[in-house]
Amino acid sequence: MRHLTTADIERFEKVYRLNLINSITGYKPANLIGTASGEGATNLAIFSSVIHLGSAPAVLGIVTRPATVPRHTYENIKATGCYTINHVHADFVAAAHYTSAEFGREESEFAACGFTPVYRDEFPAPYVAESRISLGLRLKEELPVHNGTVLLVGTVEHIYLPIEVLRPDGTLDLQLAGDVCISGLDGYHQVKPLASFAYARPGQGPQPK
């Protein structure tokens, strides 16, 4: 078994280190974050850092990279307080990845990458019309991290999804939705169900659902 220490990691070549540390956490969700500036200019960017923080109230977090260069998603969220999270599906995964290119502030990734912005229920941030599962969030707090990244915490105000992917127990059939996940910086994967288990209780062992 290979053993890597902090010193080993710091000695790696930059790209090798980026690939290693971005892969080491395993599969991550693939989402497009939709925002608009205060003047209404739209922006779209792929993120693999969306995390669940709580269900009552419904709270999610996203991690933004250090603002050492212009970060249009972060700037728009700070300006308007609102953003959307849109699931990435297999039928547009290449276009979703293309949103990671460094487009200028004046060019919308919606147009450049072939996506359609849509506004719903007077929410000020654009959703991705092509995404089958979308959420509208409002920023609640911003938590700086020691390495310059920022955890943005938002409350879920809107959810849009096809009724057929919503199971009776509230879980989602993400395979039916066509969702993909990310490994590392640029690997995309489809997944298939493996198992579901009932709520775990001591003394019972794992129980099939």
N, C-alpha and C. Protein backbone atom coordinates (compact mmCIF):
# COMPACT_ATOMS: atom_id res chain seq x y z
N MET A 1 0.85 -1.19 0.00
CA MET A 1 0.00 0.00 0.00
C MET A 1 0.89 1.25 0.00
N ARG A 2 0.58 2.19 -0.86
CA ARG A 2 1.34 3.44 -0.92
C ARG A 2 0.92 4.36 0.22
N HIS A 3 1.89 4.95 0.89
CA HIS A 3 1.62 5.89 1.97
C HIS A 3 2.15 7.26 1.55
N LEU A 4 1.25 8.26 1.54
CA LEU A 4 1.63 9.62 1.18
C LEU A 4 1.45 10.53 2.39
N THR A 5 2.46 11.33 2.68
CA THR A 5 2.38 12.28 3.78
C THR A 5 2.15 13.69 3.23
N THR A 6 1.94 14.64 4.13
CA THR A 6 1.81 16.03 3.72
C THR A 6 3.02 16.48 2.92
N ALA A 7 4.19 16.10 3.36
CA ALA A 7 5.42 16.48 2.65
C ALA A 7 5.44 15.90 1.24
N ASP A 8 4.99 14.66 1.10
CA ASP A 8 4.94 14.04 -0.23
C ASP A 8 4.00 14.82 -1.15
N ILE A 9 2.83 15.15 -0.63
CA ILE A 9 1.83 15.86 -1.42
C ILE A 9 2.36 17.21 -1.87
N GLU A 10 3.02 17.92 -0.99
CA GLU A 10 3.53 19.24 -1.32
C GLU A 10 4.65 19.19 -2.36
N ARG A 11 5.34 18.06 -2.48
CA ARG A 11 6.42 17.93 -3.45
C ARG A 11 5.94 17.55 -4.85
N PHE A 12 4.69 17.11 -4.95
CA PHE A 12 4.20 16.69 -6.26
C PHE A 12 4.13 17.88 -7.22
N GLU A 13 4.28 17.60 -8.51
CA GLU A 13 4.07 18.61 -9.54
C GLU A 13 2.64 19.12 -9.46
N LYS A 14 2.42 20.39 -9.79
CA LYS A 14 1.14 21.06 -9.54
C LYS A 14 -0.05 20.32 -10.11
N VAL A 15 -0.01 19.96 -11.40
CA VAL A 15 -1.16 19.32 -12.03
C VAL A 15 -1.41 17.94 -11.43
N TYR A 16 -0.32 17.21 -11.16
CA TYR A 16 -0.46 15.89 -10.53
C TYR A 16 -1.16 16.03 -9.16
N ARG A 17 -0.73 17.04 -8.40
CA ARG A 17 -1.33 17.26 -7.07
C ARG A 17 -2.80 17.65 -7.20
N LEU A 18 -3.12 18.51 -8.16
CA LEU A 18 -4.51 18.90 -8.39
C LEU A 18 -5.37 17.68 -8.69
N ASN A 19 -4.87 16.83 -9.59
CA ASN A 19 -5.63 15.64 -9.96
C ASN A 19 -5.82 14.69 -8.79
N LEU A 20 -4.77 14.50 -8.01
CA LEU A 20 -4.84 13.58 -6.87
C LEU A 20 -5.85 14.05 -5.83
N ILE A 21 -5.73 15.28 -5.40
CA ILE A 21 -6.57 15.76 -4.30
C ILE A 21 -8.01 15.97 -4.75
N ASN A 22 -8.22 16.28 -6.03
CA ASN A 22 -9.59 16.40 -6.53
C ASN A 22 -10.25 15.04 -6.73
N SER A 23 -9.44 13.98 -6.86
CA SER A 23 -9.99 12.63 -7.04
C SER A 23 -10.16 11.89 -5.72
N ILE A 24 -9.42 12.27 -4.70
CA ILE A 24 -9.29 11.45 -3.50
C ILE A 24 -10.60 11.37 -2.70
N THR A 25 -11.51 12.32 -2.89
CA THR A 25 -12.77 12.28 -2.15
C THR A 25 -13.81 11.38 -2.80
N GLY A 26 -13.51 10.84 -3.99
CA GLY A 26 -14.46 9.96 -4.67
C GLY A 26 -15.41 10.74 -5.57
N TYR A 27 -16.54 10.13 -5.88
CA TYR A 27 -17.50 10.76 -6.79
C TYR A 27 -18.17 11.96 -6.13
N LYS A 28 -18.43 12.99 -6.96
CA LYS A 28 -19.03 14.23 -6.48
C LYS A 28 -20.21 14.60 -7.37
N PRO A 29 -21.18 15.35 -6.86
CA PRO A 29 -22.32 15.74 -7.69
C PRO A 29 -21.90 16.73 -8.78
N ALA A 30 -22.56 16.65 -9.92
CA ALA A 30 -22.31 17.58 -11.01
C ALA A 30 -23.49 18.53 -11.12
N ASN A 31 -23.23 19.81 -10.93
CA ASN A 31 -24.30 20.81 -10.99
C ASN A 31 -23.84 22.05 -11.74
N LEU A 32 -24.78 22.70 -12.40
CA LEU A 32 -24.54 23.99 -13.02
C LEU A 32 -25.14 25.07 -12.12
N ILE A 33 -24.32 26.06 -11.75
CA ILE A 33 -24.79 27.15 -10.91
C ILE A 33 -25.14 28.32 -11.83
N GLY A 34 -26.40 28.72 -11.80
CA GLY A 34 -26.87 29.83 -12.62
C GLY A 34 -27.00 31.10 -11.80
N THR A 35 -26.45 32.20 -12.32
CA THR A 35 -26.53 33.49 -11.63
C THR A 35 -26.75 34.60 -12.64
N ALA A 36 -27.07 35.77 -12.12
CA ALA A 36 -27.17 36.98 -12.93
C ALA A 36 -26.57 38.12 -12.15
N SER A 37 -25.95 39.05 -12.87
CA SER A 37 -25.37 40.24 -12.22
C SER A 37 -26.50 41.19 -11.83
N GLY A 38 -26.14 42.23 -11.12
CA GLY A 38 -27.13 43.23 -10.76
C GLY A 38 -27.75 43.90 -11.96
N GLU A 39 -27.03 43.88 -13.10
CA GLU A 39 -27.54 44.46 -14.34
C GLU A 39 -28.27 43.44 -15.20
N GLY A 40 -28.32 42.18 -14.74
CA GLY A 40 -29.07 41.16 -15.47
C GLY A 40 -28.25 40.29 -16.41
N ALA A 41 -26.92 40.47 -16.47
CA ALA A 41 -26.08 39.63 -17.32
C ALA A 41 -25.98 38.24 -16.71
N THR A 42 -26.26 37.21 -17.50
CA THR A 42 -26.31 35.85 -16.96
C THR A 42 -24.95 35.17 -16.98
N ASN A 43 -24.79 34.21 -16.07
CA ASN A 43 -23.55 33.44 -15.95
C ASN A 43 -23.92 32.02 -15.58
N LEU A 44 -23.12 31.07 -16.06
CA LEU A 44 -23.36 29.66 -15.77
C LEU A 44 -22.02 28.97 -15.57
N ALA A 45 -21.89 28.18 -14.53
CA ALA A 45 -20.61 27.53 -14.23
C ALA A 45 -20.85 26.17 -13.61
N ILE A 46 -20.03 25.19 -13.99
CA ILE A 46 -20.15 23.85 -13.42
C ILE A 46 -19.43 23.80 -12.07
N PHE A 47 -20.08 23.16 -11.10
CA PHE A 47 -19.54 23.00 -9.75
C PHE A 47 -19.66 21.54 -9.34
N SER A 48 -18.66 21.06 -8.59
CA SER A 48 -18.74 19.72 -8.01
C SER A 48 -18.71 19.77 -6.49
N SER A 49 -18.96 20.96 -5.94
CA SER A 49 -18.79 21.15 -4.49
C SER A 49 -20.09 21.42 -3.75
N VAL A 50 -21.24 21.09 -4.35
CA VAL A 50 -22.51 21.29 -3.65
C VAL A 50 -22.63 20.24 -2.54
N ILE A 51 -22.94 20.70 -1.32
CA ILE A 51 -23.03 19.79 -0.17
C ILE A 51 -24.31 20.06 0.61
N HIS A 52 -24.84 18.98 1.20
CA HIS A 52 -26.02 19.06 2.07
C HIS A 52 -25.60 19.52 3.46
N LEU A 53 -26.27 20.54 3.98
CA LEU A 53 -25.94 21.06 5.31
C LEU A 53 -27.09 20.91 6.30
N GLY A 54 -28.30 20.67 5.82
CA GLY A 54 -29.43 20.52 6.73
C GLY A 54 -30.73 20.43 5.96
N SER A 55 -31.74 19.81 6.60
CA SER A 55 -33.03 19.61 5.94
C SER A 55 -34.16 20.43 6.53
N ALA A 56 -34.01 20.94 7.75
CA ALA A 56 -35.08 21.70 8.39
C ALA A 56 -34.48 22.89 9.14
N PRO A 57 -34.27 24.02 8.45
CA PRO A 57 -34.66 24.31 7.08
C PRO A 57 -33.73 23.64 6.07
N ALA A 58 -34.16 23.63 4.81
CA ALA A 58 -33.36 23.04 3.75
C ALA A 58 -32.20 23.98 3.41
N VAL A 59 -30.98 23.52 3.71
CA VAL A 59 -29.79 24.36 3.55
C VAL A 59 -28.73 23.58 2.78
N LEU A 60 -28.16 24.21 1.76
CA LEU A 60 -27.08 23.62 0.97
C LEU A 60 -25.90 24.58 0.93
N GLY A 61 -24.72 24.02 0.72
CA GLY A 61 -23.53 24.85 0.59
C GLY A 61 -22.84 24.60 -0.73
N ILE A 62 -22.14 25.62 -1.22
CA ILE A 62 -21.24 25.45 -2.35
C ILE A 62 -19.92 26.13 -1.98
N VAL A 63 -18.83 25.56 -2.46
CA VAL A 63 -17.51 26.11 -2.19
C VAL A 63 -17.00 26.80 -3.45
N THR A 64 -16.63 28.08 -3.31
CA THR A 64 -16.07 28.82 -4.44
C THR A 64 -14.57 28.93 -4.28
N ARG A 65 -13.89 28.99 -5.39
CA ARG A 65 -12.43 29.07 -5.38
C ARG A 65 -11.96 30.46 -4.95
N PRO A 66 -10.70 30.61 -4.55
CA PRO A 66 -10.20 31.91 -4.09
C PRO A 66 -10.39 33.00 -5.14
N ALA A 67 -10.73 34.18 -4.67
CA ALA A 67 -11.00 35.31 -5.57
C ALA A 67 -9.72 36.03 -5.97
N THR A 68 -8.71 35.26 -6.35
CA THR A 68 -7.46 35.84 -6.83
C THR A 68 -7.58 36.31 -8.27
N VAL A 69 -8.61 35.81 -8.96
CA VAL A 69 -8.98 36.27 -10.31
C VAL A 69 -10.49 36.51 -10.27
N PRO A 70 -11.05 37.18 -11.26
CA PRO A 70 -12.50 37.41 -11.24
C PRO A 70 -13.28 36.10 -11.15
N ARG A 71 -14.20 36.02 -10.23
CA ARG A 71 -15.08 34.86 -10.05
C ARG A 71 -16.51 35.34 -10.27
N HIS A 72 -17.00 35.17 -11.48
CA HIS A 72 -18.28 35.77 -11.84
C HIS A 72 -19.44 35.19 -11.04
N THR A 73 -19.41 33.87 -10.78
CA THR A 73 -20.48 33.26 -9.99
C THR A 73 -20.53 33.89 -8.60
N TYR A 74 -19.39 33.95 -7.94
CA TYR A 74 -19.32 34.52 -6.60
C TYR A 74 -19.75 35.98 -6.59
N GLU A 75 -19.26 36.75 -7.55
CA GLU A 75 -19.60 38.17 -7.62
C GLU A 75 -21.10 38.38 -7.83
N ASN A 76 -21.72 37.55 -8.67
CA ASN A 76 -23.15 37.68 -8.92
C ASN A 76 -23.98 37.30 -7.70
N ILE A 77 -23.56 36.24 -7.01
CA ILE A 77 -24.29 35.83 -5.80
C ILE A 77 -24.20 36.92 -4.74
N LYS A 78 -23.02 37.53 -4.60
CA LYS A 78 -22.88 38.61 -3.64
C LYS A 78 -23.74 39.82 -4.01
N ALA A 79 -23.87 40.07 -5.32
CA ALA A 79 -24.62 41.24 -5.78
C ALA A 79 -26.12 41.07 -5.63
N THR A 80 -26.63 39.87 -5.89
CA THR A 80 -28.08 39.67 -5.92
C THR A 80 -28.60 38.82 -4.76
N GLY A 81 -27.72 38.00 -4.16
CA GLY A 81 -28.14 37.14 -3.06
C GLY A 81 -28.85 35.87 -3.50
N CYS A 82 -28.96 35.63 -4.82
CA CYS A 82 -29.72 34.48 -5.31
C CYS A 82 -28.93 33.71 -6.36
N TYR A 83 -29.19 32.42 -6.45
CA TYR A 83 -28.55 31.58 -7.45
C TYR A 83 -29.36 30.30 -7.62
N THR A 84 -29.10 29.59 -8.72
CA THR A 84 -29.79 28.32 -8.96
C THR A 84 -28.78 27.20 -9.04
N ILE A 85 -29.22 26.02 -8.64
CA ILE A 85 -28.43 24.79 -8.77
C ILE A 85 -29.20 23.87 -9.71
N ASN A 86 -28.55 23.46 -10.79
CA ASN A 86 -29.20 22.68 -11.83
C ASN A 86 -28.42 21.39 -12.07
N HIS A 87 -29.09 20.24 -11.97
CA HIS A 87 -28.42 18.96 -12.16
C HIS A 87 -27.90 18.83 -13.58
N VAL A 88 -26.75 18.16 -13.71
CA VAL A 88 -26.18 17.87 -15.02
C VAL A 88 -26.60 16.46 -15.42
N HIS A 89 -27.07 16.33 -16.67
CA HIS A 89 -27.53 15.04 -17.18
C HIS A 89 -26.62 14.57 -18.32
N ALA A 90 -26.69 13.28 -18.59
CA ALA A 90 -25.78 12.68 -19.56
C ALA A 90 -25.90 13.28 -20.95
N ASP A 91 -27.11 13.75 -21.31
CA ASP A 91 -27.31 14.22 -22.67
C ASP A 91 -26.72 15.61 -22.93
N PHE A 92 -26.20 16.29 -21.90
CA PHE A 92 -25.53 17.58 -22.16
C PHE A 92 -24.25 17.74 -21.32
N VAL A 93 -23.61 16.61 -21.01
CA VAL A 93 -22.44 16.66 -20.13
C VAL A 93 -21.28 17.43 -20.77
N ALA A 94 -21.07 17.30 -22.08
CA ALA A 94 -19.96 18.01 -22.73
C ALA A 94 -20.16 19.52 -22.66
N ALA A 95 -21.38 19.96 -22.94
CA ALA A 95 -21.67 21.39 -22.87
C ALA A 95 -21.54 21.91 -21.45
N ALA A 96 -21.93 21.09 -20.47
CA ALA A 96 -21.80 21.50 -19.07
C ALA A 96 -20.34 21.69 -18.70
N HIS A 97 -19.49 20.76 -19.14
CA HIS A 97 -18.06 20.89 -18.84
C HIS A 97 -17.48 22.15 -19.50
N TYR A 98 -17.97 22.50 -20.66
CA TYR A 98 -17.45 23.66 -21.39
C TYR A 98 -17.67 24.96 -20.63
N THR A 99 -18.62 24.99 -19.72
CA THR A 99 -18.84 26.21 -18.93
C THR A 99 -17.66 26.53 -18.02
N SER A 100 -16.73 25.57 -17.84
CA SER A 100 -15.56 25.81 -17.00
C SER A 100 -14.49 26.63 -17.71
N ALA A 101 -14.66 26.88 -19.01
CA ALA A 101 -13.72 27.72 -19.74
C ALA A 101 -13.78 29.16 -19.19
N GLU A 102 -12.68 29.89 -19.33
CA GLU A 102 -12.61 31.24 -18.77
C GLU A 102 -13.22 32.27 -19.73
N PHE A 103 -14.53 32.26 -19.80
CA PHE A 103 -15.23 33.25 -20.61
C PHE A 103 -15.15 34.62 -19.96
N GLY A 104 -15.15 35.67 -20.76
CA GLY A 104 -15.13 37.02 -20.23
C GLY A 104 -16.45 37.41 -19.60
N ARG A 105 -16.40 38.44 -18.78
CA ARG A 105 -17.60 38.91 -18.09
C ARG A 105 -18.72 39.26 -19.07
N GLU A 106 -18.36 39.75 -20.25
CA GLU A 106 -19.35 40.20 -21.22
C GLU A 106 -20.02 39.06 -21.98
N GLU A 107 -19.50 37.81 -21.86
CA GLU A 107 -20.04 36.68 -22.60
C GLU A 107 -20.73 35.70 -21.66
N SER A 108 -21.99 35.39 -21.95
CA SER A 108 -22.75 34.48 -21.11
C SER A 108 -22.46 33.04 -21.50
N GLU A 109 -22.17 32.21 -20.50
CA GLU A 109 -21.97 30.78 -20.76
C GLU A 109 -23.25 30.11 -21.23
N PHE A 110 -24.40 30.67 -20.88
CA PHE A 110 -25.66 30.11 -21.39
C PHE A 110 -25.61 30.09 -22.92
N ALA A 111 -25.30 31.23 -23.52
CA ALA A 111 -25.27 31.32 -24.97
C ALA A 111 -24.07 30.58 -25.55
N ALA A 112 -22.90 30.75 -24.94
CA ALA A 112 -21.68 30.17 -25.50
C ALA A 112 -21.70 28.64 -25.46
N CYS A 113 -22.39 28.07 -24.49
CA CYS A 113 -22.37 26.61 -24.31
C CYS A 113 -23.68 25.94 -24.72
N GLY A 114 -24.62 26.72 -25.24
CA GLY A 114 -25.85 26.14 -25.78
C GLY A 114 -26.94 25.85 -24.78
N PHE A 115 -26.99 26.59 -23.68
CA PHE A 115 -28.04 26.41 -22.69
C PHE A 115 -29.05 27.56 -22.76
N THR A 116 -30.23 27.29 -22.23
CA THR A 116 -31.32 28.26 -22.28
C THR A 116 -31.62 28.78 -20.88
N PRO A 117 -31.43 30.07 -20.61
CA PRO A 117 -31.81 30.60 -19.30
C PRO A 117 -33.32 30.77 -19.20
N VAL A 118 -33.87 30.41 -18.08
CA VAL A 118 -35.31 30.56 -17.88
C VAL A 118 -35.54 31.09 -16.46
N TYR A 119 -36.43 32.07 -16.34
CA TYR A 119 -36.77 32.64 -15.04
C TYR A 119 -38.13 32.12 -14.61
N ARG A 120 -38.25 31.74 -13.34
CA ARG A 120 -39.47 31.12 -12.85
C ARG A 120 -39.92 31.79 -11.56
N ASP A 121 -41.21 32.04 -11.47
CA ASP A 121 -41.84 32.51 -10.23
C ASP A 121 -41.14 33.72 -9.63
N GLU A 122 -40.75 34.65 -10.50
CA GLU A 122 -40.17 35.94 -10.12
C GLU A 122 -38.85 35.80 -9.33
N PHE A 123 -38.20 34.66 -9.44
CA PHE A 123 -36.89 34.48 -8.80
C PHE A 123 -35.84 35.15 -9.68
N PRO A 124 -34.91 35.93 -9.10
CA PRO A 124 -34.03 36.77 -9.92
C PRO A 124 -32.84 36.07 -10.57
N ALA A 125 -32.62 34.79 -10.28
CA ALA A 125 -31.50 34.06 -10.89
C ALA A 125 -32.05 33.10 -11.96
N PRO A 126 -31.29 32.90 -13.04
CA PRO A 126 -31.77 32.04 -14.13
C PRO A 126 -31.56 30.56 -13.85
N TYR A 127 -32.56 29.77 -14.21
CA TYR A 127 -32.45 28.32 -14.20
C TYR A 127 -31.99 27.84 -15.58
N VAL A 128 -31.52 26.60 -15.64
CA VAL A 128 -31.15 25.98 -16.90
C VAL A 128 -32.36 25.20 -17.41
N ALA A 129 -32.93 25.64 -18.52
CA ALA A 129 -34.14 25.02 -19.03
C ALA A 129 -33.93 23.54 -19.35
N GLU A 130 -32.71 23.17 -19.76
CA GLU A 130 -32.42 21.79 -20.15
C GLU A 130 -32.26 20.85 -18.96
N SER A 131 -32.10 21.38 -17.77
CA SER A 131 -31.93 20.55 -16.58
C SER A 131 -33.29 20.08 -16.07
N ARG A 132 -33.38 18.80 -15.72
CA ARG A 132 -34.65 18.26 -15.26
C ARG A 132 -34.86 18.43 -13.76
N ILE A 133 -33.81 18.76 -13.01
CA ILE A 133 -33.93 19.01 -11.57
C ILE A 133 -33.20 20.30 -11.25
N SER A 134 -33.93 21.29 -10.76
CA SER A 134 -33.34 22.60 -10.50
C SER A 134 -33.82 23.13 -9.17
N LEU A 135 -32.95 23.92 -8.52
CA LEU A 135 -33.27 24.52 -7.23
C LEU A 135 -32.94 26.01 -7.26
N GLY A 136 -33.74 26.80 -6.57
CA GLY A 136 -33.47 28.21 -6.38
C GLY A 136 -33.10 28.47 -4.93
N LEU A 137 -31.95 29.12 -4.72
CA LEU A 137 -31.45 29.35 -3.36
C LEU A 137 -31.18 30.82 -3.10
N ARG A 138 -31.29 31.19 -1.83
CA ARG A 138 -30.96 32.54 -1.39
C ARG A 138 -29.81 32.46 -0.40
N LEU A 139 -28.80 33.27 -0.62
CA LEU A 139 -27.61 33.26 0.23
C LEU A 139 -27.95 33.70 1.65
N LYS A 140 -27.49 32.91 2.63
CA LYS A 140 -27.71 33.24 4.04
C LYS A 140 -26.43 33.66 4.74
N GLU A 141 -25.31 33.02 4.43
CA GLU A 141 -24.05 33.41 5.05
C GLU A 141 -22.88 32.96 4.19
N GLU A 142 -21.76 33.60 4.45
CA GLU A 142 -20.51 33.35 3.72
C GLU A 142 -19.43 33.03 4.73
N LEU A 143 -18.83 31.86 4.61
CA LEU A 143 -17.85 31.42 5.59
C LEU A 143 -16.49 31.26 4.92
N PRO A 144 -15.53 32.15 5.21
CA PRO A 144 -14.21 32.04 4.61
C PRO A 144 -13.45 30.84 5.16
N VAL A 145 -12.68 30.19 4.31
CA VAL A 145 -11.84 29.05 4.68
C VAL A 145 -10.39 29.51 4.62
N HIS A 146 -9.53 28.90 5.43
CA HIS A 146 -8.16 29.38 5.58
C HIS A 146 -7.36 29.38 4.28
N ASN A 147 -7.75 28.56 3.29
CA ASN A 147 -6.99 28.49 2.04
C ASN A 147 -7.49 29.48 0.97
N GLY A 148 -8.40 30.36 1.36
CA GLY A 148 -8.90 31.36 0.43
C GLY A 148 -10.21 31.00 -0.24
N THR A 149 -10.64 29.75 -0.12
CA THR A 149 -11.94 29.38 -0.66
C THR A 149 -13.03 29.91 0.28
N VAL A 150 -14.26 29.90 -0.21
CA VAL A 150 -15.38 30.43 0.56
C VAL A 150 -16.53 29.44 0.50
N LEU A 151 -17.11 29.11 1.65
CA LEU A 151 -18.31 28.30 1.70
C LEU A 151 -19.53 29.23 1.72
N LEU A 152 -20.33 29.14 0.66
CA LEU A 152 -21.55 29.92 0.58
C LEU A 152 -22.72 29.05 1.02
N VAL A 153 -23.44 29.51 2.02
CA VAL A 153 -24.55 28.75 2.60
C VAL A 153 -25.86 29.38 2.15
N GLY A 154 -26.71 28.58 1.52
CA GLY A 154 -27.97 29.12 1.02
C GLY A 154 -29.15 28.28 1.43
N THR A 155 -30.30 28.91 1.59
CA THR A 155 -31.54 28.21 1.88
C THR A 155 -32.29 27.93 0.59
N VAL A 156 -32.88 26.75 0.51
CA VAL A 156 -33.62 26.34 -0.69
C VAL A 156 -35.01 26.96 -0.65
N GLU A 157 -35.30 27.79 -1.65
CA GLU A 157 -36.61 28.43 -1.74
C GLU A 157 -37.51 27.79 -2.80
N HIS A 158 -36.91 27.15 -3.81
CA HIS A 158 -37.69 26.55 -4.89
C HIS A 158 -37.04 25.25 -5.34
N ILE A 159 -37.87 24.26 -5.66
CA ILE A 159 -37.41 23.01 -6.27
C ILE A 159 -38.32 22.71 -7.45
N TYR A 160 -37.72 22.37 -8.58
CA TYR A 160 -38.46 21.97 -9.77
C TYR A 160 -37.93 20.62 -10.22
N LEU A 161 -38.83 19.66 -10.44
CA LEU A 161 -38.41 18.33 -10.86
C LEU A 161 -39.58 17.58 -11.47
N PRO A 162 -39.30 16.60 -12.35
CA PRO A 162 -40.39 15.79 -12.91
C PRO A 162 -41.02 14.92 -11.83
N ILE A 163 -42.31 14.81 -11.86
CA ILE A 163 -43.00 14.05 -10.83
C ILE A 163 -42.57 12.58 -10.84
N GLU A 164 -42.17 12.07 -12.02
CA GLU A 164 -41.84 10.65 -12.10
C GLU A 164 -40.51 10.30 -11.42
N VAL A 165 -39.65 11.27 -11.15
CA VAL A 165 -38.39 10.95 -10.46
C VAL A 165 -38.53 11.04 -8.95
N LEU A 166 -39.66 11.54 -8.46
CA LEU A 166 -39.89 11.68 -7.02
C LEU A 166 -40.57 10.44 -6.49
N ARG A 167 -39.86 9.68 -5.65
CA ARG A 167 -40.40 8.45 -5.10
C ARG A 167 -41.35 8.75 -3.94
N PRO A 168 -42.22 7.80 -3.55
CA PRO A 168 -43.17 8.02 -2.46
C PRO A 168 -42.52 8.39 -1.14
N ASP A 169 -41.25 7.94 -0.90
CA ASP A 169 -40.60 8.25 0.38
C ASP A 169 -39.81 9.55 0.34
N GLY A 170 -39.87 10.28 -0.77
CA GLY A 170 -39.18 11.56 -0.88
C GLY A 170 -37.82 11.49 -1.53
N THR A 171 -37.26 10.28 -1.73
CA THR A 171 -35.99 10.16 -2.42
C THR A 171 -36.21 10.35 -3.92
N LEU A 172 -35.11 10.58 -4.64
CA LEU A 172 -35.19 10.83 -6.07
C LEU A 172 -34.57 9.67 -6.84
N ASP A 173 -35.17 9.34 -7.97
CA ASP A 173 -34.61 8.35 -8.89
C ASP A 173 -33.68 9.10 -9.83
N LEU A 174 -32.42 9.26 -9.41
CA LEU A 174 -31.46 10.05 -10.19
C LEU A 174 -31.04 9.36 -11.46
N GLN A 175 -31.11 8.03 -11.49
CA GLN A 175 -30.81 7.32 -12.73
C GLN A 175 -31.87 7.62 -13.78
N LEU A 176 -33.13 7.62 -13.38
CA LEU A 176 -34.21 7.97 -14.30
C LEU A 176 -34.06 9.39 -14.81
N ALA A 177 -33.58 10.28 -13.94
CA ALA A 177 -33.38 11.67 -14.35
C ALA A 177 -32.22 11.83 -15.32
N GLY A 178 -31.33 10.83 -15.38
CA GLY A 178 -30.17 10.91 -16.25
C GLY A 178 -29.00 11.65 -15.64
N ASP A 179 -28.95 11.73 -14.31
CA ASP A 179 -27.87 12.46 -13.64
C ASP A 179 -26.51 11.83 -13.88
N VAL A 180 -25.48 12.68 -13.87
CA VAL A 180 -24.10 12.21 -13.90
C VAL A 180 -23.39 12.75 -12.67
N CYS A 181 -22.23 12.17 -12.36
CA CYS A 181 -21.40 12.66 -11.27
C CYS A 181 -19.99 12.89 -11.79
N ILE A 182 -19.16 13.51 -10.96
CA ILE A 182 -17.81 13.92 -11.36
C ILE A 182 -16.78 13.21 -10.51
N SER A 183 -15.68 12.81 -11.13
CA SER A 183 -14.49 12.40 -10.38
C SER A 183 -13.34 13.28 -10.84
N GLY A 184 -12.53 13.70 -9.87
CA GLY A 184 -11.43 14.59 -10.21
C GLY A 184 -11.93 15.91 -10.76
N LEU A 185 -11.19 16.44 -11.73
CA LEU A 185 -11.54 17.73 -12.33
C LEU A 185 -12.37 17.59 -13.59
N ASP A 186 -12.26 16.46 -14.29
CA ASP A 186 -12.86 16.40 -15.62
C ASP A 186 -13.38 15.03 -16.02
N GLY A 187 -13.60 14.14 -15.03
CA GLY A 187 -14.16 12.83 -15.34
C GLY A 187 -15.63 12.78 -14.98
N TYR A 188 -16.46 12.31 -15.91
CA TYR A 188 -17.91 12.26 -15.70
C TYR A 188 -18.38 10.81 -15.78
N HIS A 189 -19.33 10.47 -14.92
CA HIS A 189 -19.74 9.07 -14.79
C HIS A 189 -21.26 8.97 -14.65
N GLN A 190 -21.81 7.90 -15.21
CA GLN A 190 -23.18 7.52 -14.93
C GLN A 190 -23.16 6.47 -13.83
N VAL A 191 -24.18 6.45 -13.02
CA VAL A 191 -24.23 5.51 -11.91
C VAL A 191 -25.48 4.65 -12.02
N LYS A 192 -25.45 3.50 -11.36
CA LYS A 192 -26.63 2.65 -11.30
C LYS A 192 -26.87 2.26 -9.85
N PRO A 193 -28.12 2.05 -9.46
CA PRO A 193 -28.42 1.72 -8.06
C PRO A 193 -27.74 0.42 -7.64
N LEU A 194 -27.25 0.40 -6.41
CA LEU A 194 -26.61 -0.78 -5.85
C LEU A 194 -27.46 -1.40 -4.75
N ALA A 195 -27.88 -0.60 -3.78
CA ALA A 195 -28.67 -1.12 -2.66
C ALA A 195 -29.33 0.04 -1.93
N SER A 196 -30.41 -0.25 -1.22
CA SER A 196 -31.05 0.71 -0.33
C SER A 196 -31.31 0.00 1.00
N PHE A 197 -31.08 0.75 2.10
CA PHE A 197 -31.23 0.15 3.42
C PHE A 197 -32.20 0.96 4.27
N ALA A 198 -32.87 0.25 5.18
CA ALA A 198 -33.76 0.91 6.13
C ALA A 198 -32.95 1.70 7.14
N TYR A 199 -33.62 2.57 7.88
CA TYR A 199 -32.96 3.35 8.93
C TYR A 199 -32.23 2.42 9.88
N ALA A 200 -30.95 2.67 10.12
CA ALA A 200 -30.13 1.76 10.92
C ALA A 200 -30.40 1.92 12.41
N ARG A 201 -30.58 0.79 13.08
CA ARG A 201 -30.79 0.78 14.53
C ARG A 201 -29.85 -0.24 15.17
N PRO A 202 -29.25 0.11 16.32
CA PRO A 202 -28.31 -0.82 16.98
C PRO A 202 -28.97 -2.16 17.25
N GLY A 203 -28.20 -3.24 17.06
CA GLY A 203 -28.68 -4.55 17.38
C GLY A 203 -29.44 -5.25 16.28
N GLN A 204 -29.76 -4.54 15.21
CA GLN A 204 -30.55 -5.14 14.14
C GLN A 204 -29.71 -5.53 12.94
N GLY A 205 -28.53 -4.92 12.81
CA GLY A 205 -27.75 -5.14 11.61
C GLY A 205 -28.38 -4.41 10.44
N PRO A 206 -27.70 -4.37 9.31
CA PRO A 206 -28.25 -3.65 8.15
C PRO A 206 -29.49 -4.37 7.62
N GLN A 207 -30.56 -3.61 7.43
CA GLN A 207 -31.82 -4.16 6.96
C GLN A 207 -32.15 -3.60 5.56
N PRO A 208 -32.45 -4.50 4.61
CA PRO A 208 -32.84 -4.00 3.28
C PRO A 208 -34.09 -3.14 3.38
N LYS A 209 -34.19 -2.19 2.50
CA LYS A 209 -35.34 -1.28 2.52
C LYS A 209 -36.48 -1.88 1.71
